[in-house]
Amino acid sequence: MRRKLGIEFVWTLNAFRNGEQGLVRRLEDAEFRFGRTCEEALEFGIRILPTGLISLIKQSGLGEALESGFSLEISRKPIPSREWVNFEKLIGDDAVGPNWENPRSVYASSELDGTVEFEKVGNPCVGFKQIPSKLWIRAKPLTMPLISWAISNKIFSCPKGDQRTLHDWFELNPDLPINKSKVMALPGPSDWNYTFLN
């Protein structure tokens, strides 16, 4: 949902654990479905989290993110609360990528490890909505209506049987690239008002 918080505009994104992946023990290995609306959550592919978001979730103490998922709120302006973490643009690209991919920018926080990518949204023929050079982000647990929606759409459904991997039996080198999923890029601000369930 994009809503007014005081005088600041805040936009939201919800991420749901991909139940088809089965059991994983680390947030770094977990796959998520995500979107600003329920249509996007069903249409966008399955992604792993960027390192900056993993750090934010861990700092926020959201242990349930590994089981069910989480919600993000993103603000253009500072909000006086310790829950909100400032991210600043490191590098930005205004060129349209291959296959008409939206331009992306990389952000980092001085308080956290890792980076987060933001993707400009809009119509490339008309112009993309600019992403501010500074953003404030907070992670929250999913609400019960969002969890209910995910259950009814079988987002959390596990595969039949219990498939195991070597990670269940051994501590393998965490630097090995075991997950070939794409990394989630967060959408920038939108020109239209939305809510996830409507």
N, C-alpha and C. Protein backbone atom coordinates (compact mmCIF):
# COMPACT_ATOMS: atom_id res chain seq x y z
N MET A 1 0.85 -1.17 0.00
CA MET A 1 0.00 0.00 0.00
C MET A 1 0.89 1.23 0.00
N ARG A 2 0.49 2.22 -0.74
CA ARG A 2 1.14 3.52 -0.69
C ARG A 2 0.24 4.41 0.12
N ARG A 3 0.75 4.96 1.23
CA ARG A 3 -0.11 5.73 2.11
C ARG A 3 0.65 6.89 2.69
N LYS A 4 -0.08 7.81 3.25
CA LYS A 4 0.55 8.97 3.85
C LYS A 4 0.80 8.70 5.33
N LEU A 5 2.03 8.86 5.77
CA LEU A 5 2.40 8.68 7.17
C LEU A 5 2.86 10.05 7.64
N GLY A 6 2.00 10.77 8.36
CA GLY A 6 2.30 12.16 8.66
C GLY A 6 2.30 12.93 7.35
N ILE A 7 3.42 13.56 7.01
CA ILE A 7 3.50 14.24 5.72
C ILE A 7 4.35 13.45 4.72
N GLU A 8 4.85 12.29 5.10
CA GLU A 8 5.71 11.50 4.25
C GLU A 8 4.91 10.46 3.47
N PHE A 9 5.30 10.21 2.24
CA PHE A 9 4.69 9.11 1.49
C PHE A 9 5.51 7.85 1.72
N VAL A 10 4.82 6.79 2.01
CA VAL A 10 5.44 5.50 2.28
C VAL A 10 4.83 4.49 1.31
N TRP A 11 5.67 3.67 0.70
CA TRP A 11 5.13 2.59 -0.11
C TRP A 11 5.56 1.26 0.49
N THR A 12 4.80 0.21 0.18
CA THR A 12 4.99 -1.08 0.85
C THR A 12 5.26 -2.19 -0.16
N LEU A 13 5.82 -3.25 0.38
CA LEU A 13 6.11 -4.46 -0.37
C LEU A 13 5.96 -5.63 0.59
N ASN A 14 5.31 -6.69 0.14
CA ASN A 14 5.15 -7.89 0.97
C ASN A 14 5.89 -9.04 0.34
N ALA A 15 6.58 -9.83 1.17
CA ALA A 15 7.34 -10.99 0.69
C ALA A 15 6.88 -12.22 1.47
N PHE A 16 6.63 -13.30 0.73
CA PHE A 16 6.10 -14.54 1.31
C PHE A 16 7.07 -15.68 1.02
N ARG A 17 7.35 -16.48 2.05
CA ARG A 17 8.24 -17.64 1.86
C ARG A 17 7.66 -18.59 0.84
N ASN A 18 8.50 -19.07 -0.05
CA ASN A 18 8.10 -20.02 -1.07
C ASN A 18 8.08 -21.42 -0.45
N GLY A 19 6.88 -21.91 -0.14
CA GLY A 19 6.76 -23.21 0.52
C GLY A 19 7.28 -24.36 -0.32
N GLU A 20 7.24 -24.23 -1.65
CA GLU A 20 7.71 -25.30 -2.52
C GLU A 20 9.20 -25.58 -2.34
N GLN A 21 9.94 -24.62 -1.82
CA GLN A 21 11.37 -24.82 -1.60
C GLN A 21 11.63 -25.84 -0.50
N GLY A 22 10.69 -25.99 0.42
CA GLY A 22 10.91 -26.90 1.54
C GLY A 22 11.72 -26.22 2.64
N LEU A 23 12.26 -27.02 3.53
CA LEU A 23 12.97 -26.54 4.71
C LEU A 23 14.32 -25.93 4.35
N VAL A 24 14.57 -24.73 4.82
CA VAL A 24 15.91 -24.13 4.78
C VAL A 24 16.18 -23.56 6.17
N ARG A 25 17.44 -23.49 6.54
CA ARG A 25 17.77 -23.05 7.89
C ARG A 25 18.35 -21.64 7.95
N ARG A 26 18.68 -21.07 6.78
CA ARG A 26 19.29 -19.74 6.77
C ARG A 26 18.48 -18.81 5.89
N LEU A 27 18.33 -17.58 6.32
CA LEU A 27 17.62 -16.58 5.53
C LEU A 27 18.30 -16.37 4.18
N GLU A 28 19.62 -16.53 4.15
CA GLU A 28 20.37 -16.36 2.91
C GLU A 28 19.96 -17.36 1.84
N ASP A 29 19.44 -18.53 2.24
CA ASP A 29 19.05 -19.57 1.29
C ASP A 29 17.57 -19.56 0.95
N ALA A 30 16.78 -18.78 1.68
CA ALA A 30 15.33 -18.81 1.54
C ALA A 30 14.85 -18.09 0.27
N GLU A 31 13.81 -18.66 -0.35
CA GLU A 31 13.20 -18.07 -1.54
C GLU A 31 11.87 -17.43 -1.16
N PHE A 32 11.54 -16.35 -1.87
CA PHE A 32 10.33 -15.58 -1.56
C PHE A 32 9.58 -15.22 -2.83
N ARG A 33 8.27 -15.15 -2.70
CA ARG A 33 7.41 -14.50 -3.69
C ARG A 33 7.13 -13.11 -3.12
N PHE A 34 7.06 -12.09 -3.98
CA PHE A 34 6.92 -10.74 -3.45
C PHE A 34 6.13 -9.86 -4.41
N GLY A 35 5.60 -8.77 -3.86
CA GLY A 35 4.91 -7.82 -4.70
C GLY A 35 4.26 -6.72 -3.88
N ARG A 36 3.91 -5.63 -4.58
CA ARG A 36 3.17 -4.54 -3.96
C ARG A 36 1.69 -4.88 -3.89
N THR A 37 1.24 -5.69 -4.82
CA THR A 37 -0.16 -6.13 -4.87
C THR A 37 -0.20 -7.65 -4.94
N CYS A 38 -1.38 -8.22 -4.71
CA CYS A 38 -1.48 -9.68 -4.77
C CYS A 38 -1.21 -10.19 -6.19
N GLU A 39 -1.59 -9.40 -7.21
CA GLU A 39 -1.31 -9.80 -8.59
C GLU A 39 0.19 -9.90 -8.83
N GLU A 40 0.94 -8.90 -8.34
CA GLU A 40 2.39 -8.95 -8.51
C GLU A 40 3.01 -10.13 -7.79
N ALA A 41 2.52 -10.43 -6.59
CA ALA A 41 3.08 -11.55 -5.81
C ALA A 41 2.88 -12.87 -6.54
N LEU A 42 1.80 -12.98 -7.31
CA LEU A 42 1.56 -14.21 -8.07
C LEU A 42 2.28 -14.20 -9.41
N GLU A 43 2.54 -13.02 -9.97
CA GLU A 43 3.16 -12.92 -11.29
C GLU A 43 4.68 -12.86 -11.25
N PHE A 44 5.24 -12.13 -10.27
CA PHE A 44 6.70 -12.01 -10.21
C PHE A 44 7.29 -13.38 -9.91
N GLY A 45 8.51 -13.58 -10.32
CA GLY A 45 9.16 -14.86 -10.06
C GLY A 45 9.55 -15.02 -8.61
N ILE A 46 10.17 -16.13 -8.32
CA ILE A 46 10.67 -16.43 -6.98
C ILE A 46 12.08 -15.87 -6.87
N ARG A 47 12.38 -15.22 -5.77
CA ARG A 47 13.67 -14.54 -5.60
C ARG A 47 14.27 -14.84 -4.23
N ILE A 48 15.59 -14.68 -4.13
CA ILE A 48 16.26 -14.70 -2.84
C ILE A 48 16.46 -13.25 -2.41
N LEU A 49 16.77 -13.03 -1.16
CA LEU A 49 16.88 -11.68 -0.62
C LEU A 49 18.25 -11.08 -0.87
N PRO A 50 18.31 -9.76 -1.12
CA PRO A 50 19.61 -9.10 -1.19
C PRO A 50 20.24 -9.02 0.19
N THR A 51 21.55 -8.90 0.23
CA THR A 51 22.29 -8.94 1.49
C THR A 51 21.87 -7.83 2.45
N GLY A 52 21.57 -6.63 1.93
CA GLY A 52 21.17 -5.53 2.79
C GLY A 52 19.83 -5.79 3.47
N LEU A 53 18.92 -6.46 2.76
CA LEU A 53 17.62 -6.79 3.34
C LEU A 53 17.75 -7.89 4.38
N ILE A 54 18.63 -8.84 4.15
CA ILE A 54 18.89 -9.88 5.14
C ILE A 54 19.38 -9.25 6.44
N SER A 55 20.32 -8.30 6.34
CA SER A 55 20.83 -7.60 7.53
C SER A 55 19.72 -6.83 8.24
N LEU A 56 18.85 -6.16 7.47
CA LEU A 56 17.75 -5.40 8.05
C LEU A 56 16.78 -6.31 8.81
N ILE A 57 16.44 -7.44 8.22
CA ILE A 57 15.50 -8.38 8.84
C ILE A 57 16.11 -8.95 10.13
N LYS A 58 17.37 -9.31 10.08
CA LYS A 58 18.03 -9.84 11.28
C LYS A 58 18.09 -8.79 12.38
N GLN A 59 18.42 -7.55 12.01
CA GLN A 59 18.47 -6.48 13.01
C GLN A 59 17.09 -6.23 13.61
N SER A 60 16.04 -6.40 12.80
CA SER A 60 14.67 -6.17 13.27
C SER A 60 14.16 -7.31 14.14
N GLY A 61 14.89 -8.43 14.20
CA GLY A 61 14.48 -9.57 15.03
C GLY A 61 13.28 -10.31 14.49
N LEU A 62 13.11 -10.33 13.17
CA LEU A 62 11.95 -11.00 12.57
C LEU A 62 12.26 -12.46 12.26
N GLY A 63 12.28 -13.28 13.31
CA GLY A 63 12.54 -14.70 13.12
C GLY A 63 11.52 -15.38 12.25
N GLU A 64 10.28 -14.85 12.23
CA GLU A 64 9.22 -15.46 11.43
C GLU A 64 9.41 -15.25 9.93
N ALA A 65 10.34 -14.38 9.54
CA ALA A 65 10.58 -14.13 8.11
C ALA A 65 11.02 -15.40 7.41
N LEU A 66 11.76 -16.26 8.10
CA LEU A 66 12.24 -17.51 7.50
C LEU A 66 11.09 -18.50 7.31
N GLU A 67 10.04 -18.37 8.10
CA GLU A 67 8.90 -19.29 7.99
C GLU A 67 7.79 -18.76 7.11
N SER A 68 7.39 -17.49 7.33
CA SER A 68 6.23 -16.98 6.61
C SER A 68 6.56 -15.83 5.65
N GLY A 69 7.46 -14.94 6.05
CA GLY A 69 7.80 -13.79 5.23
C GLY A 69 7.80 -12.52 6.04
N PHE A 70 7.64 -11.39 5.36
CA PHE A 70 7.73 -10.09 6.04
C PHE A 70 7.12 -9.02 5.14
N SER A 71 6.88 -7.85 5.75
CA SER A 71 6.42 -6.67 5.01
C SER A 71 7.50 -5.60 5.13
N LEU A 72 7.68 -4.84 4.06
CA LEU A 72 8.59 -3.70 4.08
C LEU A 72 7.79 -2.43 3.90
N GLU A 73 8.19 -1.40 4.62
CA GLU A 73 7.68 -0.05 4.38
C GLU A 73 8.88 0.78 3.99
N ILE A 74 8.73 1.59 2.94
CA ILE A 74 9.83 2.39 2.40
C ILE A 74 9.36 3.83 2.34
N SER A 75 10.18 4.74 2.86
CA SER A 75 9.80 6.15 2.91
C SER A 75 10.82 7.01 2.17
N ARG A 76 10.33 8.07 1.55
CA ARG A 76 11.20 9.05 0.89
C ARG A 76 11.87 9.98 1.88
N LYS A 77 11.29 10.14 3.06
CA LYS A 77 11.78 11.13 4.04
C LYS A 77 12.05 10.43 5.37
N PRO A 78 12.94 11.02 6.18
CA PRO A 78 13.24 10.40 7.47
C PRO A 78 12.03 10.36 8.39
N ILE A 79 11.94 9.27 9.14
CA ILE A 79 10.88 9.10 10.12
C ILE A 79 11.56 8.89 11.47
N PRO A 80 11.19 9.68 12.48
CA PRO A 80 11.89 9.60 13.78
C PRO A 80 11.52 8.35 14.56
N SER A 81 12.14 7.24 14.20
CA SER A 81 11.91 5.98 14.90
C SER A 81 13.13 5.10 14.65
N ARG A 82 13.52 4.33 15.65
CA ARG A 82 14.68 3.45 15.52
C ARG A 82 14.42 2.28 14.58
N GLU A 83 13.15 1.99 14.31
CA GLU A 83 12.81 0.89 13.40
C GLU A 83 13.23 1.20 11.95
N TRP A 84 13.27 2.48 11.61
CA TRP A 84 13.55 2.90 10.23
C TRP A 84 15.05 3.04 10.04
N VAL A 85 15.58 2.42 8.98
CA VAL A 85 17.01 2.46 8.69
C VAL A 85 17.23 3.22 7.38
N ASN A 86 18.19 4.12 7.41
CA ASN A 86 18.51 4.93 6.23
C ASN A 86 19.40 4.17 5.25
N PHE A 87 18.99 4.16 3.98
CA PHE A 87 19.80 3.62 2.89
C PHE A 87 20.09 4.75 1.91
N GLU A 88 21.33 4.81 1.42
CA GLU A 88 21.72 5.85 0.48
C GLU A 88 22.20 5.23 -0.82
N LYS A 89 21.91 5.95 -1.91
CA LYS A 89 22.28 5.45 -3.23
C LYS A 89 23.80 5.45 -3.40
N LEU A 90 24.34 4.31 -3.83
CA LEU A 90 25.76 4.20 -4.14
C LEU A 90 26.01 4.46 -5.61
N ILE A 91 25.15 3.87 -6.44
CA ILE A 91 25.29 4.02 -7.88
C ILE A 91 23.92 3.83 -8.51
N GLY A 92 23.65 4.57 -9.55
CA GLY A 92 22.36 4.47 -10.22
C GLY A 92 22.54 4.38 -11.71
N ASP A 93 21.59 3.75 -12.37
CA ASP A 93 21.63 3.59 -13.82
C ASP A 93 20.30 4.04 -14.39
N ASP A 94 20.32 5.01 -15.27
CA ASP A 94 19.09 5.51 -15.88
C ASP A 94 18.82 4.89 -17.24
N ALA A 95 19.71 4.02 -17.69
CA ALA A 95 19.51 3.40 -19.00
C ALA A 95 18.62 2.18 -18.88
N VAL A 96 17.79 1.96 -19.87
CA VAL A 96 16.96 0.76 -19.91
C VAL A 96 17.86 -0.42 -20.23
N GLY A 97 17.72 -1.50 -19.46
CA GLY A 97 18.58 -2.65 -19.63
C GLY A 97 18.15 -3.54 -20.78
N PRO A 98 18.86 -4.67 -20.97
CA PRO A 98 18.49 -5.61 -22.03
C PRO A 98 17.08 -6.14 -21.79
N ASN A 99 16.40 -6.47 -22.85
CA ASN A 99 15.02 -6.98 -22.77
C ASN A 99 14.08 -5.99 -22.08
N TRP A 100 14.36 -4.69 -22.21
CA TRP A 100 13.52 -3.63 -21.66
C TRP A 100 13.41 -3.71 -20.15
N GLU A 101 14.47 -4.15 -19.49
CA GLU A 101 14.47 -4.17 -18.03
C GLU A 101 14.51 -2.74 -17.49
N ASN A 102 13.81 -2.51 -16.38
CA ASN A 102 13.78 -1.18 -15.77
C ASN A 102 15.15 -0.82 -15.19
N PRO A 103 15.52 0.46 -15.23
CA PRO A 103 16.80 0.89 -14.64
C PRO A 103 16.84 0.59 -13.14
N ARG A 104 18.04 0.28 -12.66
CA ARG A 104 18.21 -0.07 -11.25
C ARG A 104 19.27 0.80 -10.60
N SER A 105 19.16 0.93 -9.28
CA SER A 105 20.14 1.65 -8.47
C SER A 105 20.47 0.81 -7.25
N VAL A 106 21.72 0.91 -6.77
CA VAL A 106 22.18 0.14 -5.62
C VAL A 106 22.25 1.07 -4.41
N TYR A 107 21.71 0.61 -3.28
CA TYR A 107 21.67 1.37 -2.03
C TYR A 107 22.35 0.57 -0.92
N ALA A 108 22.90 1.28 0.05
CA ALA A 108 23.51 0.65 1.23
C ALA A 108 23.25 1.53 2.44
N SER A 109 23.37 0.90 3.61
CA SER A 109 23.19 1.61 4.87
C SER A 109 24.49 1.57 5.65
N SER A 110 24.85 2.67 6.30
CA SER A 110 26.05 2.69 7.14
C SER A 110 25.86 1.85 8.40
N GLU A 111 24.59 1.51 8.71
CA GLU A 111 24.29 0.73 9.92
C GLU A 111 24.30 -0.78 9.68
N LEU A 112 24.25 -1.20 8.41
CA LEU A 112 24.07 -2.61 8.10
C LEU A 112 25.08 -3.09 7.06
N ASP A 113 25.27 -4.39 7.00
CA ASP A 113 26.09 -5.00 5.95
C ASP A 113 25.23 -5.19 4.70
N GLY A 114 25.87 -5.19 3.55
CA GLY A 114 25.20 -5.56 2.31
C GLY A 114 24.55 -4.39 1.59
N THR A 115 23.93 -4.71 0.47
CA THR A 115 23.29 -3.72 -0.38
C THR A 115 21.89 -4.18 -0.77
N VAL A 116 21.12 -3.24 -1.30
CA VAL A 116 19.76 -3.49 -1.80
C VAL A 116 19.66 -2.79 -3.15
N GLU A 117 19.03 -3.47 -4.11
CA GLU A 117 18.79 -2.84 -5.41
C GLU A 117 17.35 -2.34 -5.47
N PHE A 118 17.18 -1.14 -6.02
CA PHE A 118 15.85 -0.61 -6.30
C PHE A 118 15.69 -0.50 -7.81
N GLU A 119 14.49 -0.79 -8.25
CA GLU A 119 14.17 -0.77 -9.67
C GLU A 119 13.19 0.37 -9.92
N LYS A 120 13.50 1.21 -10.91
CA LYS A 120 12.57 2.28 -11.25
C LYS A 120 11.34 1.67 -11.91
N VAL A 121 10.18 2.18 -11.53
CA VAL A 121 8.94 1.68 -12.11
C VAL A 121 8.28 2.78 -12.92
N GLY A 122 7.47 2.36 -13.85
CA GLY A 122 6.79 3.31 -14.72
C GLY A 122 6.86 2.84 -16.16
N ASN A 123 6.47 3.69 -17.06
CA ASN A 123 6.45 3.39 -18.48
C ASN A 123 7.70 3.97 -19.13
N PRO A 124 8.56 3.12 -19.75
CA PRO A 124 9.79 3.65 -20.35
C PRO A 124 9.53 4.67 -21.45
N CYS A 125 8.36 4.60 -22.09
CA CYS A 125 8.05 5.56 -23.15
C CYS A 125 7.70 6.94 -22.58
N VAL A 126 7.12 6.96 -21.38
CA VAL A 126 6.71 8.22 -20.75
C VAL A 126 7.78 8.73 -19.80
N GLY A 127 8.47 7.81 -19.16
CA GLY A 127 9.51 8.18 -18.19
C GLY A 127 9.31 7.44 -16.88
N PHE A 128 10.42 7.04 -16.28
CA PHE A 128 10.38 6.31 -15.03
C PHE A 128 10.27 7.27 -13.86
N LYS A 129 9.60 6.82 -12.81
CA LYS A 129 9.50 7.59 -11.57
C LYS A 129 10.87 7.58 -10.89
N GLN A 130 11.39 8.76 -10.56
CA GLN A 130 12.71 8.85 -9.93
C GLN A 130 12.70 8.26 -8.52
N ILE A 131 13.80 7.61 -8.17
CA ILE A 131 13.97 7.09 -6.81
C ILE A 131 14.87 8.06 -6.07
N PRO A 132 14.47 8.51 -4.88
CA PRO A 132 15.30 9.47 -4.12
C PRO A 132 16.68 8.89 -3.82
N SER A 133 17.65 9.77 -3.59
CA SER A 133 19.01 9.32 -3.29
C SER A 133 19.11 8.75 -1.87
N LYS A 134 18.15 9.09 -0.99
CA LYS A 134 18.10 8.52 0.36
C LYS A 134 16.71 7.94 0.59
N LEU A 135 16.69 6.77 1.20
CA LEU A 135 15.43 6.10 1.53
C LEU A 135 15.51 5.58 2.96
N TRP A 136 14.35 5.44 3.60
CA TRP A 136 14.27 4.86 4.94
C TRP A 136 13.38 3.64 4.83
N ILE A 137 13.86 2.51 5.39
CA ILE A 137 13.16 1.24 5.25
C ILE A 137 12.99 0.61 6.62
N ARG A 138 11.82 -0.01 6.83
CA ARG A 138 11.65 -0.84 8.03
C ARG A 138 10.98 -2.14 7.63
N ALA A 139 11.32 -3.21 8.36
CA ALA A 139 10.74 -4.53 8.14
C ALA A 139 9.79 -4.84 9.29
N LYS A 140 8.64 -5.44 8.93
CA LYS A 140 7.62 -5.79 9.92
C LYS A 140 7.10 -7.19 9.64
N PRO A 141 6.48 -7.83 10.63
CA PRO A 141 5.86 -9.14 10.38
C PRO A 141 4.66 -8.99 9.43
N LEU A 142 4.36 -10.05 8.72
CA LEU A 142 3.14 -10.08 7.90
C LEU A 142 1.93 -10.03 8.82
N THR A 143 0.88 -9.37 8.38
CA THR A 143 -0.37 -9.34 9.15
C THR A 143 -1.15 -10.62 8.90
N MET A 144 -2.13 -10.91 9.75
CA MET A 144 -2.95 -12.11 9.58
C MET A 144 -3.71 -12.13 8.25
N PRO A 145 -4.29 -11.00 7.77
CA PRO A 145 -4.94 -11.04 6.45
C PRO A 145 -3.97 -11.41 5.33
N LEU A 146 -2.72 -10.95 5.41
CA LEU A 146 -1.74 -11.30 4.38
C LEU A 146 -1.36 -12.77 4.46
N ILE A 147 -1.19 -13.29 5.67
CA ILE A 147 -0.88 -14.71 5.85
C ILE A 147 -2.04 -15.56 5.35
N SER A 148 -3.27 -15.15 5.65
CA SER A 148 -4.45 -15.87 5.16
C SER A 148 -4.51 -15.89 3.64
N TRP A 149 -4.18 -14.75 3.02
CA TRP A 149 -4.17 -14.69 1.56
C TRP A 149 -3.14 -15.68 1.00
N ALA A 150 -1.94 -15.70 1.61
CA ALA A 150 -0.88 -16.60 1.14
C ALA A 150 -1.29 -18.07 1.30
N ILE A 151 -1.93 -18.40 2.41
CA ILE A 151 -2.38 -19.78 2.62
C ILE A 151 -3.43 -20.15 1.57
N SER A 152 -4.40 -19.26 1.34
CA SER A 152 -5.46 -19.57 0.38
C SER A 152 -4.94 -19.66 -1.05
N ASN A 153 -3.80 -19.04 -1.33
CA ASN A 153 -3.20 -19.12 -2.67
C ASN A 153 -2.06 -20.13 -2.73
N LYS A 154 -1.94 -20.97 -1.69
CA LYS A 154 -0.98 -22.07 -1.63
C LYS A 154 0.49 -21.63 -1.75
N ILE A 155 0.77 -20.40 -1.31
CA ILE A 155 2.15 -19.88 -1.35
C ILE A 155 3.05 -20.67 -0.39
N PHE A 156 2.49 -21.06 0.76
CA PHE A 156 3.27 -21.77 1.77
C PHE A 156 3.25 -23.28 1.60
N SER A 157 2.53 -23.80 0.61
CA SER A 157 2.38 -25.25 0.44
C SER A 157 3.72 -25.91 0.19
N CYS A 158 3.99 -26.96 0.98
CA CYS A 158 5.24 -27.69 0.85
C CYS A 158 5.10 -28.78 -0.20
N PRO A 159 6.24 -29.20 -0.78
CA PRO A 159 6.18 -30.30 -1.75
C PRO A 159 5.80 -31.59 -1.05
N LYS A 160 5.24 -32.53 -1.81
CA LYS A 160 4.93 -33.85 -1.26
C LYS A 160 6.24 -34.53 -0.89
N GLY A 161 6.25 -35.20 0.25
CA GLY A 161 7.47 -35.83 0.72
C GLY A 161 8.37 -34.79 1.38
N ASP A 162 9.53 -35.20 1.79
CA ASP A 162 10.45 -34.32 2.49
C ASP A 162 11.83 -34.45 1.86
N GLN A 163 12.09 -33.62 0.86
CA GLN A 163 13.36 -33.69 0.16
C GLN A 163 14.46 -33.07 1.00
N ARG A 164 15.56 -33.77 1.14
CA ARG A 164 16.68 -33.30 1.95
C ARG A 164 17.83 -32.88 1.04
N THR A 165 18.67 -32.00 1.53
CA THR A 165 19.89 -31.61 0.82
C THR A 165 21.07 -31.86 1.75
N LEU A 166 22.28 -31.76 1.21
CA LEU A 166 23.47 -31.93 2.04
C LEU A 166 23.53 -30.92 3.18
N HIS A 167 22.89 -29.76 2.98
CA HIS A 167 22.90 -28.74 4.03
C HIS A 167 22.17 -29.20 5.30
N ASP A 168 21.27 -30.19 5.17
CA ASP A 168 20.58 -30.72 6.34
C ASP A 168 21.50 -31.59 7.19
N TRP A 169 22.60 -32.07 6.61
CA TRP A 169 23.45 -33.03 7.32
C TRP A 169 24.84 -32.48 7.61
N PHE A 170 25.30 -31.52 6.82
CA PHE A 170 26.65 -31.01 6.97
C PHE A 170 26.64 -29.49 6.93
N GLU A 171 27.60 -28.87 7.62
CA GLU A 171 27.82 -27.43 7.50
C GLU A 171 28.74 -27.21 6.31
N LEU A 172 28.16 -26.88 5.17
CA LEU A 172 28.96 -26.64 3.98
C LEU A 172 29.44 -25.19 3.98
N ASN A 173 30.44 -24.92 3.17
CA ASN A 173 30.99 -23.57 3.06
C ASN A 173 29.87 -22.61 2.67
N PRO A 174 29.53 -21.61 3.53
CA PRO A 174 28.42 -20.71 3.23
C PRO A 174 28.70 -19.79 2.04
N ASP A 175 29.97 -19.71 1.60
CA ASP A 175 30.30 -18.85 0.46
C ASP A 175 30.05 -19.53 -0.87
N LEU A 176 29.76 -20.84 -0.84
CA LEU A 176 29.49 -21.53 -2.10
C LEU A 176 28.16 -21.08 -2.68
N PRO A 177 28.10 -20.84 -4.00
CA PRO A 177 26.85 -20.39 -4.62
C PRO A 177 25.89 -21.55 -4.82
N ILE A 178 25.07 -21.85 -3.81
CA ILE A 178 24.18 -23.00 -3.91
C ILE A 178 22.80 -22.62 -4.43
N ASN A 179 22.43 -21.35 -4.33
CA ASN A 179 21.09 -20.93 -4.73
C ASN A 179 21.19 -20.14 -6.02
N LYS A 180 20.57 -20.66 -7.06
CA LYS A 180 20.68 -20.03 -8.37
C LYS A 180 19.52 -19.08 -8.66
N SER A 181 18.66 -18.83 -7.68
CA SER A 181 17.54 -17.91 -7.89
C SER A 181 18.05 -16.49 -8.08
N LYS A 182 17.27 -15.67 -8.73
CA LYS A 182 17.61 -14.26 -8.90
C LYS A 182 17.43 -13.53 -7.57
N VAL A 183 18.18 -12.45 -7.42
CA VAL A 183 18.08 -11.63 -6.21
C VAL A 183 16.95 -10.62 -6.38
N MET A 184 16.16 -10.45 -5.34
CA MET A 184 15.01 -9.54 -5.36
C MET A 184 15.47 -8.09 -5.52
N ALA A 185 14.85 -7.38 -6.47
CA ALA A 185 15.04 -5.94 -6.61
C ALA A 185 13.75 -5.27 -6.15
N LEU A 186 13.85 -4.28 -5.28
CA LEU A 186 12.68 -3.63 -4.72
C LEU A 186 12.15 -2.57 -5.67
N PRO A 187 10.83 -2.45 -5.79
CA PRO A 187 10.28 -1.42 -6.67
C PRO A 187 10.40 -0.04 -6.03
N GLY A 188 10.68 0.95 -6.85
CA GLY A 188 10.72 2.33 -6.38
C GLY A 188 9.32 2.86 -6.17
N PRO A 189 9.21 4.17 -5.93
CA PRO A 189 7.89 4.75 -5.69
C PRO A 189 6.99 4.64 -6.91
N SER A 190 5.70 4.55 -6.64
CA SER A 190 4.71 4.41 -7.69
C SER A 190 3.92 5.70 -7.87
N ASP A 191 3.37 5.88 -9.06
CA ASP A 191 2.51 7.04 -9.33
C ASP A 191 1.07 6.80 -8.90
N TRP A 192 0.73 5.56 -8.55
CA TRP A 192 -0.65 5.24 -8.25
C TRP A 192 -0.77 4.68 -6.84
N ASN A 193 -1.93 4.91 -6.24
CA ASN A 193 -2.21 4.37 -4.91
C ASN A 193 -2.62 2.91 -5.04
N TYR A 194 -2.20 2.10 -4.09
CA TYR A 194 -2.54 0.68 -4.14
C TYR A 194 -2.63 0.11 -2.74
N THR A 195 -3.32 -0.99 -2.62
CA THR A 195 -3.28 -1.81 -1.42
C THR A 195 -3.03 -3.24 -1.88
N PHE A 196 -2.45 -4.06 -1.05
CA PHE A 196 -2.06 -5.41 -1.49
C PHE A 196 -3.28 -6.25 -1.85
N LEU A 197 -4.31 -6.22 -1.02
CA LEU A 197 -5.42 -7.15 -1.19
C LEU A 197 -6.53 -6.63 -2.09
N ASN A 198 -6.51 -5.37 -2.50
CA ASN A 198 -7.57 -4.83 -3.36
C ASN A 198 -7.06 -4.54 -4.75
